[in-house]
Amino acid sequence: MPGAVGGFRLSALQEVGGVPEDTLAEDTDLTMALERADWAVTNQESARAWTEASASLGQLWRQRYRWCYGTLQAMWKHRGAVFERGLGGRLGRRGLPYLALYQVVLPVLAPAIDVFAVLSLFTDPARGAWAWFGFLILQLIPAVIAFRLDNERLRPLWAVLLQPVVYRQLMYLVVIQSVVTAIAGARLPWQKLKRTGTAAQAAPEPLLEDPATTAIRQP
């Protein structure tokens, strides 16, 4: 559960020993600890949070490096959930393999796509271009679905065409660096980011029109 939009019961926090301090992804670590303690972690679609994004590639690198390394720490810390029952067992046998596959294994192997794309320029440029175009379409489809579900305008999605040029390679390197750091047993610092305070905050719309039901329906 992302820390920027996470809300936790005090009794649940007390049961698992509070917010952990031994990993760099304390929100992920805490979510896993709660599930292993049979606390249900649910999604509240009407919740809102404002958070400041990285203002440069260097800051983005440090932020993603910390998140990726912290996720690896949390996965290793809660590896014992594989042998548990209940919600903890679901985390161990479903959640942890999912994280390992989509946040570690596939990103580490993904640079092969770029290598084959470059090689195709010298072997079969037309087929390589169509394959690359199809790959972009596969990225664009879930993005359009996500924007539609959130009632967002589709105009910003033009940036999906640029994502494979810089952002994707940065994510490859971040994951590889995190894995190497974890294998080496090095201790990563917090990687504190510079706060610019330049983000504009829009006025939130009311979640409910009837104030009489607010106290009952809001989490």
N, C-alpha and C. Protein backbone atom coordinates (compact mmCIF):
# COMPACT_ATOMS: atom_id res chain seq x y z
N MET A 1 0.85 -1.19 0.00
CA MET A 1 0.00 0.00 0.00
C MET A 1 0.89 1.24 0.00
N PRO A 2 0.79 2.09 -1.01
CA PRO A 2 1.64 3.29 -1.04
C PRO A 2 1.42 4.17 0.18
N GLY A 3 2.53 4.63 0.74
CA GLY A 3 2.44 5.45 1.95
C GLY A 3 1.67 6.74 1.76
N ALA A 4 1.71 7.30 0.54
CA ALA A 4 1.05 8.58 0.31
C ALA A 4 -0.47 8.49 0.44
N VAL A 5 -1.03 7.31 0.25
CA VAL A 5 -2.47 7.15 0.34
C VAL A 5 -2.84 6.02 1.28
N GLY A 6 -1.98 5.72 2.24
CA GLY A 6 -2.25 4.64 3.17
C GLY A 6 -2.84 5.14 4.47
N GLY A 7 -3.86 4.45 4.94
CA GLY A 7 -4.46 4.74 6.24
C GLY A 7 -4.55 3.46 7.05
N PHE A 8 -4.05 3.48 8.27
CA PHE A 8 -3.96 2.25 9.06
C PHE A 8 -4.61 2.45 10.43
N ARG A 9 -5.27 1.41 10.92
CA ARG A 9 -5.83 1.43 12.25
C ARG A 9 -4.70 1.41 13.28
N LEU A 10 -4.88 2.19 14.34
CA LEU A 10 -3.86 2.23 15.39
C LEU A 10 -3.65 0.86 16.02
N SER A 11 -4.75 0.14 16.24
CA SER A 11 -4.64 -1.18 16.85
C SER A 11 -3.86 -2.14 15.96
N ALA A 12 -4.02 -1.99 14.64
CA ALA A 12 -3.28 -2.85 13.71
C ALA A 12 -1.79 -2.52 13.75
N LEU A 13 -1.47 -1.24 13.78
CA LEU A 13 -0.07 -0.83 13.85
C LEU A 13 0.59 -1.33 15.13
N GLN A 14 -0.14 -1.22 16.22
CA GLN A 14 0.41 -1.67 17.51
C GLN A 14 0.65 -3.18 17.51
N GLU A 15 -0.23 -3.92 16.85
CA GLU A 15 -0.09 -5.38 16.84
C GLU A 15 1.16 -5.83 16.09
N VAL A 16 1.53 -5.12 15.01
CA VAL A 16 2.68 -5.54 14.21
C VAL A 16 3.95 -4.77 14.58
N GLY A 17 3.90 -4.01 15.65
CA GLY A 17 5.10 -3.32 16.11
C GLY A 17 5.34 -1.95 15.51
N GLY A 18 4.31 -1.33 14.95
CA GLY A 18 4.44 0.01 14.40
C GLY A 18 5.02 0.02 13.00
N VAL A 19 5.31 1.22 12.51
CA VAL A 19 5.89 1.37 11.17
C VAL A 19 7.33 0.88 11.20
N PRO A 20 7.71 -0.07 10.34
CA PRO A 20 9.07 -0.63 10.37
C PRO A 20 10.12 0.39 9.98
N GLU A 21 11.30 0.24 10.55
CA GLU A 21 12.41 1.15 10.29
C GLU A 21 13.61 0.45 9.66
N ASP A 22 13.50 -0.87 9.41
CA ASP A 22 14.65 -1.62 8.91
C ASP A 22 14.60 -1.85 7.41
N THR A 23 13.62 -1.27 6.70
CA THR A 23 13.57 -1.35 5.24
C THR A 23 13.32 0.04 4.67
N LEU A 24 13.66 0.22 3.39
CA LEU A 24 13.50 1.52 2.75
C LEU A 24 12.14 1.67 2.07
N ALA A 25 11.34 0.63 2.06
CA ALA A 25 9.97 0.69 1.54
C ALA A 25 9.04 0.33 2.70
N GLU A 26 8.98 1.23 3.68
CA GLU A 26 8.24 0.92 4.90
C GLU A 26 6.76 0.72 4.65
N ASP A 27 6.21 1.34 3.61
CA ASP A 27 4.79 1.15 3.32
C ASP A 27 4.53 -0.27 2.82
N THR A 28 5.40 -0.76 1.93
CA THR A 28 5.28 -2.14 1.44
C THR A 28 5.52 -3.13 2.57
N ASP A 29 6.55 -2.88 3.36
CA ASP A 29 6.88 -3.75 4.50
C ASP A 29 5.71 -3.82 5.47
N LEU A 30 5.12 -2.67 5.78
CA LEU A 30 4.01 -2.62 6.73
C LEU A 30 2.79 -3.35 6.18
N THR A 31 2.50 -3.18 4.90
CA THR A 31 1.37 -3.88 4.29
C THR A 31 1.54 -5.39 4.40
N MET A 32 2.74 -5.87 4.12
CA MET A 32 3.01 -7.31 4.21
C MET A 32 2.88 -7.79 5.64
N ALA A 33 3.38 -7.01 6.60
CA ALA A 33 3.28 -7.40 8.00
C ALA A 33 1.83 -7.48 8.46
N LEU A 34 1.00 -6.55 8.00
CA LEU A 34 -0.42 -6.56 8.38
C LEU A 34 -1.13 -7.77 7.80
N GLU A 35 -0.82 -8.11 6.56
CA GLU A 35 -1.45 -9.28 5.95
C GLU A 35 -1.03 -10.56 6.66
N ARG A 36 0.22 -10.64 7.08
CA ARG A 36 0.68 -11.83 7.81
C ARG A 36 0.03 -11.92 9.18
N ALA A 37 -0.43 -10.77 9.70
CA ALA A 37 -1.14 -10.76 10.98
C ALA A 37 -2.64 -10.90 10.78
N ASP A 38 -3.08 -11.27 9.56
CA ASP A 38 -4.48 -11.49 9.22
C ASP A 38 -5.31 -10.21 9.24
N TRP A 39 -4.67 -9.08 8.99
CA TRP A 39 -5.42 -7.85 8.78
C TRP A 39 -5.67 -7.70 7.28
N ALA A 40 -6.89 -7.42 6.90
CA ALA A 40 -7.24 -7.25 5.49
C ALA A 40 -6.85 -5.84 5.03
N VAL A 41 -6.10 -5.77 3.95
CA VAL A 41 -5.71 -4.49 3.35
C VAL A 41 -6.59 -4.29 2.12
N THR A 42 -7.46 -3.31 2.16
CA THR A 42 -8.43 -3.10 1.09
C THR A 42 -8.18 -1.78 0.37
N ASN A 43 -8.77 -1.64 -0.79
CA ASN A 43 -8.62 -0.45 -1.62
C ASN A 43 -9.83 0.46 -1.46
N GLN A 44 -9.58 1.75 -1.25
CA GLN A 44 -10.64 2.74 -1.17
C GLN A 44 -10.49 3.67 -2.37
N GLU A 45 -11.36 3.46 -3.36
CA GLU A 45 -11.22 4.19 -4.62
C GLU A 45 -11.45 5.69 -4.48
N SER A 46 -12.21 6.11 -3.46
CA SER A 46 -12.50 7.54 -3.31
C SER A 46 -11.42 8.29 -2.53
N ALA A 47 -10.41 7.58 -2.03
CA ALA A 47 -9.34 8.24 -1.27
C ALA A 47 -8.48 9.08 -2.21
N ARG A 48 -7.97 10.20 -1.68
CA ARG A 48 -7.14 11.08 -2.49
C ARG A 48 -5.91 11.50 -1.69
N ALA A 49 -4.82 11.72 -2.40
CA ALA A 49 -3.60 12.19 -1.76
C ALA A 49 -2.80 13.00 -2.76
N TRP A 50 -2.08 13.98 -2.27
CA TRP A 50 -1.20 14.78 -3.11
C TRP A 50 0.23 14.52 -2.68
N THR A 51 1.07 14.20 -3.65
CA THR A 51 2.47 13.92 -3.36
C THR A 51 3.34 14.59 -4.40
N GLU A 52 4.53 14.99 -4.02
CA GLU A 52 5.42 15.71 -4.93
C GLU A 52 6.27 14.72 -5.72
N ALA A 53 6.24 14.85 -7.02
CA ALA A 53 7.00 13.95 -7.90
C ALA A 53 8.42 14.46 -8.07
N SER A 54 9.29 13.59 -8.54
CA SER A 54 10.68 13.96 -8.79
C SER A 54 10.76 15.01 -9.88
N ALA A 55 11.64 16.00 -9.70
CA ALA A 55 11.73 17.11 -10.63
C ALA A 55 12.84 16.95 -11.65
N SER A 56 13.66 15.90 -11.54
CA SER A 56 14.76 15.69 -12.47
C SER A 56 15.02 14.19 -12.61
N LEU A 57 15.79 13.82 -13.64
CA LEU A 57 16.12 12.41 -13.83
C LEU A 57 16.96 11.87 -12.67
N GLY A 58 17.84 12.72 -12.14
CA GLY A 58 18.66 12.30 -11.01
C GLY A 58 17.82 11.99 -9.78
N GLN A 59 16.85 12.85 -9.49
CA GLN A 59 15.96 12.62 -8.35
C GLN A 59 15.08 11.40 -8.60
N LEU A 60 14.61 11.25 -9.84
CA LEU A 60 13.79 10.08 -10.17
C LEU A 60 14.60 8.80 -9.97
N TRP A 61 15.86 8.83 -10.39
CA TRP A 61 16.73 7.66 -10.21
C TRP A 61 16.85 7.30 -8.74
N ARG A 62 17.15 8.30 -7.88
CA ARG A 62 17.32 8.03 -6.45
C ARG A 62 16.03 7.52 -5.82
N GLN A 63 14.89 8.10 -6.24
CA GLN A 63 13.62 7.67 -5.67
C GLN A 63 13.29 6.24 -6.06
N ARG A 64 13.42 5.93 -7.36
CA ARG A 64 13.09 4.58 -7.82
C ARG A 64 14.10 3.56 -7.29
N TYR A 65 15.34 3.96 -7.14
CA TYR A 65 16.37 3.09 -6.59
C TYR A 65 16.00 2.70 -5.16
N ARG A 66 15.58 3.68 -4.39
CA ARG A 66 15.17 3.41 -3.00
C ARG A 66 13.94 2.52 -2.96
N TRP A 67 12.96 2.81 -3.81
CA TRP A 67 11.73 2.01 -3.81
C TRP A 67 12.01 0.57 -4.21
N CYS A 68 12.79 0.40 -5.27
CA CYS A 68 13.08 -0.95 -5.75
C CYS A 68 13.88 -1.74 -4.72
N TYR A 69 14.91 -1.11 -4.17
CA TYR A 69 15.73 -1.79 -3.17
C TYR A 69 14.90 -2.09 -1.92
N GLY A 70 14.05 -1.15 -1.53
CA GLY A 70 13.20 -1.37 -0.36
C GLY A 70 12.20 -2.50 -0.58
N THR A 71 11.69 -2.62 -1.80
CA THR A 71 10.78 -3.72 -2.11
C THR A 71 11.50 -5.06 -2.01
N LEU A 72 12.74 -5.11 -2.50
CA LEU A 72 13.53 -6.34 -2.38
C LEU A 72 13.75 -6.68 -0.91
N GLN A 73 14.02 -5.67 -0.09
CA GLN A 73 14.19 -5.90 1.34
C GLN A 73 12.93 -6.48 1.97
N ALA A 74 11.78 -5.88 1.63
CA ALA A 74 10.51 -6.34 2.20
C ALA A 74 10.19 -7.77 1.75
N MET A 75 10.46 -8.07 0.48
CA MET A 75 10.21 -9.43 -0.01
C MET A 75 11.06 -10.45 0.75
N TRP A 76 12.33 -10.13 0.96
CA TRP A 76 13.22 -11.05 1.66
C TRP A 76 12.82 -11.17 3.13
N LYS A 77 12.43 -10.05 3.72
CA LYS A 77 12.04 -10.05 5.13
C LYS A 77 10.82 -10.92 5.38
N HIS A 78 9.89 -10.94 4.43
CA HIS A 78 8.63 -11.67 4.63
C HIS A 78 8.58 -12.95 3.80
N ARG A 79 9.72 -13.49 3.44
CA ARG A 79 9.75 -14.72 2.65
C ARG A 79 9.13 -15.89 3.39
N GLY A 80 9.10 -15.83 4.72
CA GLY A 80 8.50 -16.91 5.50
C GLY A 80 7.01 -17.04 5.30
N ALA A 81 6.37 -16.02 4.69
CA ALA A 81 4.92 -16.07 4.46
C ALA A 81 4.55 -17.19 3.50
N VAL A 82 5.51 -17.69 2.74
CA VAL A 82 5.24 -18.77 1.79
C VAL A 82 4.67 -19.99 2.50
N PHE A 83 5.06 -20.21 3.74
CA PHE A 83 4.67 -21.41 4.48
C PHE A 83 3.50 -21.17 5.43
N GLU A 84 2.91 -19.96 5.38
CA GLU A 84 1.84 -19.64 6.31
C GLU A 84 0.47 -19.91 5.70
N ARG A 85 -0.55 -19.81 6.54
CA ARG A 85 -1.93 -19.96 6.09
C ARG A 85 -2.63 -18.60 6.11
N GLY A 86 -3.87 -18.59 5.66
CA GLY A 86 -4.65 -17.36 5.68
C GLY A 86 -4.11 -16.30 4.75
N LEU A 87 -4.28 -15.03 5.16
CA LEU A 87 -3.84 -13.92 4.32
C LEU A 87 -2.33 -13.92 4.12
N GLY A 88 -1.60 -14.33 5.18
CA GLY A 88 -0.15 -14.39 5.04
C GLY A 88 0.28 -15.38 3.98
N GLY A 89 -0.41 -16.53 3.91
CA GLY A 89 -0.09 -17.52 2.90
C GLY A 89 -0.39 -17.04 1.50
N ARG A 90 -1.47 -16.28 1.36
CA ARG A 90 -1.79 -15.71 0.05
C ARG A 90 -0.71 -14.73 -0.38
N LEU A 91 -0.24 -13.94 0.57
CA LEU A 91 0.85 -13.02 0.28
C LEU A 91 2.10 -13.79 -0.17
N GLY A 92 2.44 -14.83 0.58
CA GLY A 92 3.66 -15.57 0.29
C GLY A 92 3.62 -16.35 -1.01
N ARG A 93 2.47 -16.95 -1.32
CA ARG A 93 2.39 -17.81 -2.50
C ARG A 93 1.83 -17.12 -3.73
N ARG A 94 1.27 -15.92 -3.55
CA ARG A 94 0.75 -15.18 -4.70
C ARG A 94 1.45 -13.82 -4.85
N GLY A 95 1.42 -13.05 -3.77
CA GLY A 95 1.96 -11.70 -3.84
C GLY A 95 3.46 -11.65 -4.07
N LEU A 96 4.22 -12.43 -3.30
CA LEU A 96 5.68 -12.39 -3.44
C LEU A 96 6.15 -12.89 -4.80
N PRO A 97 5.61 -14.02 -5.33
CA PRO A 97 6.03 -14.41 -6.69
C PRO A 97 5.66 -13.38 -7.74
N TYR A 98 4.50 -12.72 -7.57
CA TYR A 98 4.11 -11.67 -8.51
C TYR A 98 5.11 -10.53 -8.50
N LEU A 99 5.51 -10.08 -7.29
CA LEU A 99 6.49 -9.01 -7.19
C LEU A 99 7.82 -9.44 -7.78
N ALA A 100 8.23 -10.67 -7.48
CA ALA A 100 9.51 -11.16 -7.97
C ALA A 100 9.53 -11.21 -9.50
N LEU A 101 8.42 -11.62 -10.10
CA LEU A 101 8.36 -11.77 -11.55
C LEU A 101 8.32 -10.42 -12.26
N TYR A 102 7.36 -9.55 -11.82
CA TYR A 102 7.11 -8.32 -12.56
C TYR A 102 7.97 -7.14 -12.13
N GLN A 103 8.58 -7.19 -10.96
CA GLN A 103 9.41 -6.08 -10.53
C GLN A 103 10.90 -6.41 -10.50
N VAL A 104 11.23 -7.70 -10.69
CA VAL A 104 12.64 -8.07 -10.65
C VAL A 104 13.04 -8.84 -11.91
N VAL A 105 12.45 -10.02 -12.12
CA VAL A 105 12.90 -10.91 -13.19
C VAL A 105 12.67 -10.29 -14.57
N LEU A 106 11.44 -9.88 -14.86
CA LEU A 106 11.15 -9.34 -16.19
C LEU A 106 11.90 -8.04 -16.48
N PRO A 107 11.96 -7.08 -15.52
CA PRO A 107 12.75 -5.88 -15.80
C PRO A 107 14.23 -6.16 -16.05
N VAL A 108 14.79 -7.18 -15.36
CA VAL A 108 16.19 -7.51 -15.58
C VAL A 108 16.38 -8.10 -16.98
N LEU A 109 15.41 -8.87 -17.46
CA LEU A 109 15.51 -9.49 -18.78
C LEU A 109 15.03 -8.58 -19.91
N ALA A 110 14.28 -7.54 -19.55
CA ALA A 110 13.65 -6.68 -20.56
C ALA A 110 14.63 -5.98 -21.50
N PRO A 111 15.85 -5.62 -21.08
CA PRO A 111 16.76 -4.97 -22.05
C PRO A 111 16.99 -5.78 -23.32
N ALA A 112 16.73 -7.08 -23.26
CA ALA A 112 16.88 -7.89 -24.47
C ALA A 112 15.96 -7.40 -25.59
N ILE A 113 14.79 -6.83 -25.21
CA ILE A 113 13.87 -6.30 -26.22
C ILE A 113 14.54 -5.18 -27.01
N ASP A 114 15.23 -4.29 -26.30
CA ASP A 114 15.90 -3.18 -26.99
C ASP A 114 17.05 -3.68 -27.86
N VAL A 115 17.75 -4.70 -27.36
CA VAL A 115 18.86 -5.25 -28.13
C VAL A 115 18.36 -5.83 -29.44
N PHE A 116 17.27 -6.64 -29.36
CA PHE A 116 16.72 -7.23 -30.58
C PHE A 116 16.13 -6.18 -31.51
N ALA A 117 15.59 -5.09 -30.92
CA ALA A 117 15.04 -4.02 -31.74
C ALA A 117 16.15 -3.35 -32.56
N VAL A 118 17.30 -3.12 -31.93
CA VAL A 118 18.42 -2.52 -32.64
C VAL A 118 18.96 -3.47 -33.71
N LEU A 119 19.05 -4.75 -33.37
CA LEU A 119 19.54 -5.72 -34.35
C LEU A 119 18.61 -5.84 -35.55
N SER A 120 17.30 -5.66 -35.30
CA SER A 120 16.34 -5.78 -36.40
C SER A 120 16.53 -4.67 -37.44
N LEU A 121 17.13 -3.55 -37.04
CA LEU A 121 17.38 -2.47 -38.00
C LEU A 121 18.35 -2.91 -39.09
N PHE A 122 19.17 -3.92 -38.79
CA PHE A 122 20.17 -4.39 -39.75
C PHE A 122 19.74 -5.69 -40.44
N THR A 123 18.72 -6.36 -39.92
CA THR A 123 18.29 -7.63 -40.50
C THR A 123 16.96 -7.50 -41.24
N ASP A 124 15.92 -7.02 -40.53
CA ASP A 124 14.59 -6.89 -41.15
C ASP A 124 13.92 -5.65 -40.57
N PRO A 125 14.26 -4.46 -41.08
CA PRO A 125 13.75 -3.21 -40.50
C PRO A 125 12.23 -3.12 -40.47
N ALA A 126 11.56 -3.58 -41.53
CA ALA A 126 10.10 -3.46 -41.59
C ALA A 126 9.44 -4.29 -40.49
N ARG A 127 9.86 -5.55 -40.38
CA ARG A 127 9.28 -6.42 -39.35
C ARG A 127 9.63 -5.90 -37.95
N GLY A 128 10.84 -5.40 -37.77
CA GLY A 128 11.22 -4.86 -36.48
C GLY A 128 10.39 -3.65 -36.11
N ALA A 129 10.09 -2.79 -37.09
CA ALA A 129 9.27 -1.60 -36.83
C ALA A 129 7.86 -1.99 -36.44
N TRP A 130 7.28 -2.99 -37.13
CA TRP A 130 5.95 -3.45 -36.78
C TRP A 130 5.91 -4.08 -35.38
N ALA A 131 6.95 -4.83 -35.05
CA ALA A 131 7.02 -5.43 -33.72
C ALA A 131 7.11 -4.35 -32.64
N TRP A 132 7.90 -3.31 -32.91
CA TRP A 132 8.04 -2.21 -31.95
C TRP A 132 6.73 -1.45 -31.81
N PHE A 133 6.05 -1.24 -32.95
CA PHE A 133 4.75 -0.57 -32.93
C PHE A 133 3.74 -1.39 -32.13
N GLY A 134 3.73 -2.70 -32.32
CA GLY A 134 2.83 -3.56 -31.56
C GLY A 134 3.12 -3.52 -30.07
N PHE A 135 4.40 -3.43 -29.71
CA PHE A 135 4.78 -3.32 -28.31
C PHE A 135 4.23 -2.04 -27.69
N LEU A 136 4.29 -0.94 -28.44
CA LEU A 136 3.74 0.33 -27.95
C LEU A 136 2.23 0.25 -27.77
N ILE A 137 1.57 -0.43 -28.70
CA ILE A 137 0.11 -0.59 -28.57
C ILE A 137 -0.24 -1.36 -27.31
N LEU A 138 0.53 -2.40 -27.01
CA LEU A 138 0.29 -3.19 -25.80
C LEU A 138 0.48 -2.33 -24.54
N GLN A 139 1.37 -1.36 -24.60
CA GLN A 139 1.53 -0.44 -23.47
C GLN A 139 0.40 0.58 -23.41
N LEU A 140 -0.07 0.98 -24.57
CA LEU A 140 -1.07 2.04 -24.63
C LEU A 140 -2.45 1.56 -24.18
N ILE A 141 -2.81 0.32 -24.49
CA ILE A 141 -4.14 -0.18 -24.17
C ILE A 141 -4.44 -0.12 -22.67
N PRO A 142 -3.61 -0.69 -21.79
CA PRO A 142 -3.93 -0.59 -20.36
C PRO A 142 -3.88 0.84 -19.83
N ALA A 143 -3.05 1.71 -20.47
CA ALA A 143 -3.01 3.11 -20.06
C ALA A 143 -4.34 3.80 -20.36
N VAL A 144 -4.90 3.53 -21.54
CA VAL A 144 -6.20 4.11 -21.90
C VAL A 144 -7.28 3.61 -20.96
N ILE A 145 -7.28 2.32 -20.65
CA ILE A 145 -8.27 1.76 -19.73
C ILE A 145 -8.17 2.42 -18.36
N ALA A 146 -6.94 2.60 -17.87
CA ALA A 146 -6.75 3.21 -16.56
C ALA A 146 -7.24 4.65 -16.54
N PHE A 147 -6.94 5.41 -17.59
CA PHE A 147 -7.39 6.80 -17.66
C PHE A 147 -8.91 6.88 -17.73
N ARG A 148 -9.53 5.98 -18.48
CA ARG A 148 -10.99 5.97 -18.59
C ARG A 148 -11.64 5.62 -17.25
N LEU A 149 -11.07 4.68 -16.54
CA LEU A 149 -11.62 4.30 -15.23
C LEU A 149 -11.56 5.46 -14.25
N ASP A 150 -10.55 6.32 -14.38
CA ASP A 150 -10.41 7.48 -13.50
C ASP A 150 -11.01 8.74 -14.08
N ASN A 151 -11.70 8.60 -15.22
CA ASN A 151 -12.34 9.76 -15.88
C ASN A 151 -11.33 10.86 -16.19
N GLU A 152 -10.14 10.45 -16.62
CA GLU A 152 -9.09 11.41 -16.97
C GLU A 152 -9.07 11.64 -18.48
N ARG A 153 -8.59 12.81 -18.89
CA ARG A 153 -8.42 13.10 -20.31
C ARG A 153 -7.27 12.26 -20.87
N LEU A 154 -7.42 11.84 -22.13
CA LEU A 154 -6.42 10.97 -22.74
C LEU A 154 -5.25 11.73 -23.35
N ARG A 155 -5.31 13.04 -23.36
CA ARG A 155 -4.28 13.84 -24.04
C ARG A 155 -2.87 13.55 -23.52
N PRO A 156 -2.62 13.39 -22.21
CA PRO A 156 -1.24 13.15 -21.75
C PRO A 156 -0.64 11.83 -22.23
N LEU A 157 -1.47 10.93 -22.78
CA LEU A 157 -0.96 9.63 -23.17
C LEU A 157 -0.04 9.67 -24.39
N TRP A 158 0.11 10.84 -25.03
CA TRP A 158 1.08 10.93 -26.12
C TRP A 158 2.49 10.63 -25.61
N ALA A 159 2.70 10.85 -24.30
CA ALA A 159 4.02 10.61 -23.72
C ALA A 159 4.40 9.14 -23.70
N VAL A 160 3.40 8.24 -23.89
CA VAL A 160 3.71 6.81 -23.94
C VAL A 160 4.67 6.51 -25.08
N LEU A 161 4.61 7.29 -26.17
CA LEU A 161 5.51 7.09 -27.30
C LEU A 161 6.96 7.38 -26.93
N LEU A 162 7.17 8.26 -25.93
CA LEU A 162 8.52 8.63 -25.51
C LEU A 162 9.03 7.77 -24.37
N GLN A 163 8.12 7.08 -23.68
CA GLN A 163 8.52 6.31 -22.51
C GLN A 163 9.60 5.26 -22.81
N PRO A 164 9.53 4.53 -23.94
CA PRO A 164 10.56 3.52 -24.19
C PRO A 164 11.94 4.10 -24.48
N VAL A 165 12.04 5.42 -24.69
CA VAL A 165 13.30 6.02 -25.09
C VAL A 165 14.21 6.30 -23.88
N VAL A 166 13.64 6.81 -22.79
CA VAL A 166 14.44 7.18 -21.62
C VAL A 166 13.97 6.47 -20.36
N TYR A 167 12.68 6.60 -20.08
CA TYR A 167 12.17 6.12 -18.81
C TYR A 167 12.35 4.62 -18.64
N ARG A 168 12.08 3.86 -19.69
CA ARG A 168 12.16 2.40 -19.58
C ARG A 168 13.60 1.95 -19.33
N GLN A 169 14.55 2.57 -20.03
CA GLN A 169 15.94 2.22 -19.80
C GLN A 169 16.39 2.58 -18.38
N LEU A 170 15.89 3.71 -17.89
CA LEU A 170 16.23 4.10 -16.52
C LEU A 170 15.73 3.07 -15.53
N MET A 171 14.51 2.57 -15.75
CA MET A 171 13.94 1.56 -14.85
C MET A 171 14.73 0.25 -14.91
N TYR A 172 15.19 -0.12 -16.12
CA TYR A 172 16.03 -1.31 -16.24
C TYR A 172 17.25 -1.19 -15.33
N LEU A 173 17.95 -0.06 -15.49
CA LEU A 173 19.20 0.13 -14.76
C LEU A 173 18.97 0.22 -13.26
N VAL A 174 17.85 0.83 -12.87
CA VAL A 174 17.53 0.92 -11.44
C VAL A 174 17.34 -0.47 -10.84
N VAL A 175 16.58 -1.32 -11.53
CA VAL A 175 16.34 -2.67 -11.02
C VAL A 175 17.64 -3.46 -10.96
N ILE A 176 18.44 -3.37 -12.03
CA ILE A 176 19.71 -4.09 -12.04
C ILE A 176 20.62 -3.60 -10.92
N GLN A 177 20.70 -2.29 -10.73
CA GLN A 177 21.53 -1.74 -9.66
C GLN A 177 21.02 -2.19 -8.29
N SER A 178 19.70 -2.23 -8.11
CA SER A 178 19.13 -2.66 -6.83
C SER A 178 19.45 -4.12 -6.55
N VAL A 179 19.34 -4.97 -7.57
CA VAL A 179 19.63 -6.39 -7.40
C VAL A 179 21.10 -6.59 -7.05
N VAL A 180 21.98 -5.89 -7.76
CA VAL A 180 23.42 -6.01 -7.48
C VAL A 180 23.73 -5.53 -6.06
N THR A 181 23.11 -4.42 -5.65
CA THR A 181 23.33 -3.90 -4.30
C THR A 181 22.85 -4.89 -3.26
N ALA A 182 21.68 -5.51 -3.51
CA ALA A 182 21.15 -6.48 -2.56
C ALA A 182 22.04 -7.72 -2.46
N ILE A 183 22.53 -8.21 -3.60
CA ILE A 183 23.40 -9.39 -3.60
C ILE A 183 24.71 -9.09 -2.88
N ALA A 184 25.21 -7.86 -3.07
CA ALA A 184 26.46 -7.47 -2.42
C ALA A 184 26.29 -7.24 -0.92
N GLY A 185 25.04 -7.14 -0.47
CA GLY A 185 24.79 -6.93 0.95
C GLY A 185 25.06 -5.52 1.41
N ALA A 186 25.10 -4.55 0.47
CA ALA A 186 25.36 -3.16 0.83
C ALA A 186 24.12 -2.52 1.44
N ARG A 187 24.34 -1.56 2.31
CA ARG A 187 23.24 -0.84 2.97
C ARG A 187 22.99 0.47 2.25
N LEU A 188 21.82 0.62 1.68
CA LEU A 188 21.48 1.81 0.91
C LEU A 188 20.92 2.89 1.82
N PRO A 189 21.40 4.13 1.72
CA PRO A 189 20.83 5.22 2.53
C PRO A 189 19.44 5.60 2.04
N TRP A 190 18.80 6.52 2.72
CA TRP A 190 17.41 6.87 2.44
C TRP A 190 17.24 7.52 1.09
N GLN A 191 18.25 8.17 0.52
CA GLN A 191 18.14 8.85 -0.77
C GLN A 191 17.10 9.97 -0.72
N LYS A 192 17.26 10.87 0.23
CA LYS A 192 16.29 11.96 0.41
C LYS A 192 16.26 12.86 -0.82
N LEU A 193 15.06 13.22 -1.24
CA LEU A 193 14.88 14.05 -2.42
C LEU A 193 14.69 15.51 -2.04
N LYS A 194 15.10 16.39 -2.94
CA LYS A 194 14.92 17.82 -2.74
C LYS A 194 13.48 18.20 -3.01
N ARG A 195 12.86 18.89 -2.07
CA ARG A 195 11.48 19.33 -2.23
C ARG A 195 11.46 20.73 -2.83
N THR A 196 10.76 20.86 -3.95
CA THR A 196 10.69 22.15 -4.63
C THR A 196 9.44 22.94 -4.27
N GLY A 197 8.37 22.26 -3.94
CA GLY A 197 7.13 22.94 -3.58
C GLY A 197 6.48 23.67 -4.74
N THR A 198 6.76 23.23 -5.95
CA THR A 198 6.23 23.91 -7.13
C THR A 198 4.97 23.26 -7.68
N ALA A 199 4.56 22.13 -7.12
CA ALA A 199 3.38 21.44 -7.63
C ALA A 199 2.12 22.20 -7.25
N ALA A 200 1.24 22.37 -8.21
CA ALA A 200 -0.03 23.05 -7.96
C ALA A 200 -1.05 22.06 -7.45
N GLN A 201 -1.78 22.45 -6.43
CA GLN A 201 -2.77 21.56 -5.84
C GLN A 201 -4.17 22.03 -6.20
N ALA A 202 -4.93 21.18 -6.86
CA ALA A 202 -6.29 21.51 -7.21
C ALA A 202 -7.21 21.33 -6.01
N ALA A 203 -8.26 22.13 -5.97
CA ALA A 203 -9.21 22.01 -4.88
C ALA A 203 -9.95 20.69 -4.98
N PRO A 204 -9.99 19.90 -3.91
CA PRO A 204 -10.65 18.59 -3.98
C PRO A 204 -12.15 18.73 -4.10
N GLU A 205 -12.75 17.88 -4.91
CA GLU A 205 -14.20 17.85 -5.02
C GLU A 205 -14.78 17.05 -3.87
N PRO A 206 -15.96 17.38 -3.42
CA PRO A 206 -16.57 16.62 -2.32
C PRO A 206 -16.83 15.18 -2.74
N LEU A 207 -16.53 14.24 -1.84
CA LEU A 207 -16.74 12.83 -2.14
C LEU A 207 -18.21 12.48 -2.14
N LEU A 208 -18.97 13.15 -1.32
CA LEU A 208 -20.40 12.88 -1.18
C LEU A 208 -21.16 14.19 -1.20
N GLU A 209 -22.31 14.19 -1.85
CA GLU A 209 -23.11 15.42 -1.90
C GLU A 209 -23.98 15.57 -0.67
N ASP A 210 -24.32 14.49 -0.01
CA ASP A 210 -25.17 14.53 1.17
C ASP A 210 -24.30 14.52 2.42
N PRO A 211 -24.11 15.66 3.12
CA PRO A 211 -23.23 15.69 4.29
C PRO A 211 -23.73 14.82 5.42
N ALA A 212 -25.00 14.47 5.42
CA ALA A 212 -25.54 13.66 6.52
C ALA A 212 -25.00 12.24 6.49
N THR A 213 -24.54 11.79 5.31
CA THR A 213 -24.07 10.42 5.20
C THR A 213 -22.54 10.33 5.21
N THR A 214 -21.87 11.49 5.29
CA THR A 214 -20.41 11.50 5.21
C THR A 214 -19.77 10.69 6.32
N ALA A 215 -20.22 10.87 7.53
CA ALA A 215 -19.60 10.20 8.67
C ALA A 215 -19.78 8.68 8.61
N ILE A 216 -20.78 8.24 7.87
CA ILE A 216 -21.06 6.81 7.79
C ILE A 216 -20.31 6.17 6.64
N ARG A 217 -20.24 6.85 5.51
CA ARG A 217 -19.73 6.22 4.30
C ARG A 217 -18.23 6.42 4.11
N GLN A 218 -17.65 7.46 4.69
CA GLN A 218 -16.23 7.64 4.52
C GLN A 218 -15.48 6.68 5.43
N PRO A 219 -14.31 6.17 4.96
CA PRO A 219 -13.53 5.25 5.78
C PRO A 219 -12.92 5.97 6.97
